[in-house]
Amino acid sequence: MRTAAICAAIIFLLTLAVAGPAGGLNLVAGAAGSEAPEVIKPPRQMHMDQVRERFGEPQRTRAPVGDPPITRWDYPRFTVYFEHQRVIHAVQPDRPPVVHDD
């Protein structure tokens, strides 16, 4: 019974996270209680060449997918997503965002 309640709570929280800003939620990376320390990641709009120059060669790259083309570069501590040649998001997989209800 307890497992069912935990699963229901997880599904509920995931549903809220999908709601995004329209649902009145903010995702804050690196909030108190996170397990891994924050690492420096490339900021949005940084060009691929600048990312490579500042952070070195990625461990793994994935070919562009979709329209507009989205490319993924994996580094040891973070992953970078590009639209065309510009950073659209950089995430730290071992540091999940914390959901705050506004």
Protein backbone atom coordinates (compact mmCIF):
# COMPACT_ATOMS: atom_id res chain seq x y z
CA MET A 1 0.00 0.00 0.00
CA ARG A 2 2.82 2.39 0.86
CA THR A 3 4.48 1.75 -2.52
CA ALA A 4 1.26 2.73 -4.30
CA ALA A 5 1.10 5.99 -2.35
CA ILE A 6 4.71 6.81 -3.19
CA CYS A 7 4.13 6.05 -6.88
CA ALA A 8 1.02 8.24 -6.88
CA ALA A 9 2.97 11.09 -5.27
CA ILE A 10 5.77 10.80 -7.85
CA ILE A 11 3.29 10.81 -10.73
CA PHE A 12 1.55 13.84 -9.22
CA LEU A 13 4.85 15.75 -8.91
CA LEU A 14 5.87 14.85 -12.45
CA THR A 15 2.50 16.08 -13.69
CA LEU A 16 3.08 19.39 -11.92
CA ALA A 17 6.57 19.72 -13.39
CA VAL A 18 5.20 19.22 -16.91
CA ALA A 19 2.70 22.03 -16.32
CA GLY A 20 5.60 24.52 -16.54
CA PRO A 21 5.20 28.27 -15.98
CA ALA A 22 1.51 28.21 -16.90
CA GLY A 23 0.97 26.01 -13.86
CA GLY A 24 2.61 28.59 -11.59
CA LEU A 25 5.77 26.56 -10.96
CA ASN A 26 9.39 27.56 -11.02
CA LEU A 27 12.21 25.08 -11.47
CA VAL A 28 15.26 26.19 -9.54
CA ALA A 29 18.47 24.29 -10.15
CA GLY A 30 20.85 24.08 -7.26
CA ALA A 31 18.46 24.83 -4.44
CA ALA A 32 19.33 23.85 -0.87
CA GLY A 33 19.28 20.14 -0.24
CA SER A 34 20.65 19.18 -3.65
CA GLU A 35 23.20 16.40 -3.55
CA ALA A 36 25.82 17.58 -6.04
CA PRO A 37 27.57 20.96 -6.00
CA GLU A 38 26.83 23.36 -8.84
CA VAL A 39 29.32 23.26 -11.71
CA ILE A 40 30.06 26.04 -14.17
CA LYS A 41 28.13 25.42 -17.38
CA PRO A 42 27.95 27.36 -20.64
CA PRO A 43 25.39 30.19 -20.62
CA ARG A 44 22.56 30.40 -23.12
CA GLN A 45 23.39 31.77 -26.56
CA MET A 46 27.09 30.83 -26.30
CA HIS A 47 28.33 29.62 -29.69
CA MET A 48 29.55 26.02 -30.15
CA ASP A 49 33.07 27.25 -30.91
CA GLN A 50 33.14 29.23 -27.64
CA VAL A 51 31.90 26.21 -25.69
CA ARG A 52 34.62 24.03 -27.19
CA GLU A 53 37.24 26.71 -26.50
CA ARG A 54 36.21 27.22 -22.87
CA PHE A 55 35.25 23.66 -21.84
CA GLY A 56 37.29 21.54 -24.25
CA GLU A 57 36.16 18.66 -26.42
CA PRO A 58 32.97 16.92 -25.26
CA GLN A 59 33.21 13.26 -24.27
CA ARG A 60 30.38 12.47 -26.66
CA THR A 61 28.46 14.35 -29.33
CA ARG A 62 25.15 13.45 -30.89
CA ALA A 63 24.08 14.41 -34.37
CA PRO A 64 21.49 17.16 -34.82
CA VAL A 65 17.87 16.00 -34.60
CA GLY A 66 14.67 17.73 -35.74
CA ASP A 67 13.79 21.10 -37.15
CA PRO A 68 15.26 23.34 -35.84
CA PRO A 69 18.25 21.05 -35.38
CA ILE A 70 19.01 20.24 -31.73
CA THR A 71 22.51 18.94 -30.98
CA ARG A 72 23.69 17.41 -27.70
CA TRP A 73 27.21 17.44 -26.28
CA ASP A 74 28.04 15.39 -23.18
CA TYR A 75 30.77 16.52 -20.79
CA PRO A 76 31.82 14.67 -17.61
CA ARG A 77 29.72 16.88 -15.29
CA PHE A 78 27.06 18.39 -17.57
CA THR A 79 25.24 18.13 -20.89
CA VAL A 80 24.80 20.99 -23.37
CA TYR A 81 21.94 21.32 -25.86
CA PHE A 82 22.31 23.53 -28.92
CA GLU A 83 19.78 24.91 -31.39
CA HIS A 84 21.72 25.45 -34.60
CA GLN A 85 25.08 26.66 -33.21
CA ARG A 86 23.89 28.30 -29.97
CA VAL A 87 23.40 26.93 -26.44
CA ILE A 88 19.75 26.67 -25.48
CA HIS A 89 20.27 24.74 -22.24
CA ALA A 90 23.01 23.18 -20.12
CA VAL A 91 22.05 20.67 -17.44
CA GLN A 92 23.82 18.82 -14.67
CA PRO A 93 22.25 15.33 -14.61
CA ASP A 94 23.28 14.57 -11.01
CA ARG A 95 21.64 17.79 -9.79
CA PRO A 96 17.89 17.65 -10.53
CA PRO A 97 15.86 20.87 -10.39
CA VAL A 98 13.79 21.63 -7.31
CA VAL A 99 10.13 22.50 -7.90
CA HIS A 100 8.76 25.50 -6.01
CA ASP A 101 5.06 26.33 -6.02
CA ASP A 102 4.43 30.09 -6.48
